[in-house]
Amino acid sequence: MKLKLARTTLKAKPKSVELSKIEEELEKKSIFYFDKENSHKELKEMIEYFEEKGYSVYMREVRYGLDDNEYIYEVHIIR
């Protein structure tokens, strides 16, 4: 499964990442930011994937502007 990481600028395109790559990076960091282009269903599947592996996962929307479409997803994945 591929997910889109949060954009670094407003006009940039989001970069895609595989779940296996996220799992490898868990040794270095536990907070990930995902783009609003990801569907809620995809993010729920990612949460279930990591919970089945014994991780605790917390997800929330982070608003960075006044418009309803200006948000990203912040995901904490910890053991």
Protein backbone atom coordinates (compact mmCIF):
# COMPACT_ATOMS: atom_id res chain seq x y z
CA MET A 1 0.00 0.00 0.00
CA LYS A 2 1.26 3.47 -0.88
CA LEU A 3 0.47 6.61 1.05
CA LYS A 4 1.28 10.22 0.22
CA LEU A 5 3.50 12.15 2.60
CA ALA A 6 2.60 15.76 3.41
CA ARG A 7 3.78 18.40 0.94
CA THR A 8 6.70 20.57 1.95
CA THR A 9 5.33 23.59 0.07
CA LEU A 10 1.82 24.53 -1.06
CA LYS A 11 2.56 23.98 -4.76
CA ALA A 12 4.64 20.81 -4.40
CA LYS A 13 3.26 17.39 -5.26
CA PRO A 14 3.10 14.88 -2.40
CA LYS A 15 5.66 12.06 -2.42
CA SER A 16 4.46 8.47 -2.13
CA VAL A 17 5.82 5.99 0.40
CA GLU A 18 5.24 2.28 0.99
CA LEU A 19 4.16 0.92 4.38
CA SER A 20 7.35 -1.12 4.54
CA LYS A 21 9.42 2.08 4.28
CA ILE A 22 7.42 3.66 7.12
CA GLU A 23 8.03 0.56 9.21
CA GLU A 24 11.79 0.79 8.57
CA GLU A 25 11.82 4.46 9.66
CA LEU A 26 10.08 3.65 12.96
CA GLU A 27 13.49 2.95 14.44
CA LYS A 28 14.44 6.62 13.88
CA LYS A 29 11.17 8.50 14.37
CA SER A 30 7.57 7.93 15.44
CA ILE A 31 5.67 10.90 13.99
CA PHE A 32 4.68 11.03 10.32
CA TYR A 33 2.74 13.63 8.34
CA PHE A 34 0.47 12.57 5.48
CA ASP A 35 -1.18 14.61 2.75
CA LYS A 36 -4.88 15.37 2.57
CA GLU A 37 -5.02 13.47 -0.76
CA ASN A 38 -4.95 10.18 1.17
CA SER A 39 -8.40 8.75 1.67
CA HIS A 40 -9.66 8.17 5.20
CA LYS A 41 -10.05 4.49 4.29
CA GLU A 42 -6.35 4.21 3.34
CA LEU A 43 -5.29 5.80 6.60
CA LYS A 44 -7.56 3.47 8.59
CA GLU A 45 -6.00 0.48 6.80
CA MET A 46 -2.53 1.77 7.75
CA ILE A 47 -3.61 2.14 11.39
CA GLU A 48 -4.98 -1.43 11.42
CA TYR A 49 -1.78 -2.73 9.80
CA PHE A 50 0.42 -1.28 12.54
CA GLU A 51 -1.97 -2.18 15.37
CA GLU A 52 -1.90 -5.82 14.22
CA LYS A 53 1.90 -5.67 14.55
CA GLY A 54 1.64 -4.50 18.17
CA TYR A 55 2.03 -0.74 17.72
CA SER A 56 -0.16 1.97 19.23
CA VAL A 57 -1.30 4.46 16.59
CA TYR A 58 -2.81 7.92 17.06
CA MET A 59 -4.02 10.05 14.13
CA ARG A 60 -5.36 13.58 14.00
CA GLU A 61 -5.98 16.34 11.47
CA VAL A 62 -3.71 19.38 11.72
CA ARG A 63 -5.11 22.61 10.24
CA TYR A 64 -2.52 25.04 8.90
CA GLY A 65 -4.85 27.66 7.40
CA LEU A 66 -8.33 29.12 7.61
CA ASP A 67 -9.69 27.21 4.61
CA ASP A 68 -11.40 23.86 5.26
CA ASN A 69 -9.08 22.21 2.71
CA GLU A 70 -5.87 23.30 4.43
CA TYR A 71 -4.97 20.35 6.61
CA ILE A 72 -2.63 17.37 6.88
CA TYR A 73 -2.77 14.18 8.94
CA GLU A 74 -0.40 13.72 11.84
CA VAL A 75 0.18 10.08 12.79
CA HIS A 76 2.04 8.86 15.89
CA ILE A 77 3.18 5.23 15.78
CA ILE A 78 4.77 3.87 18.97
CA ARG A 79 5.48 0.45 20.42
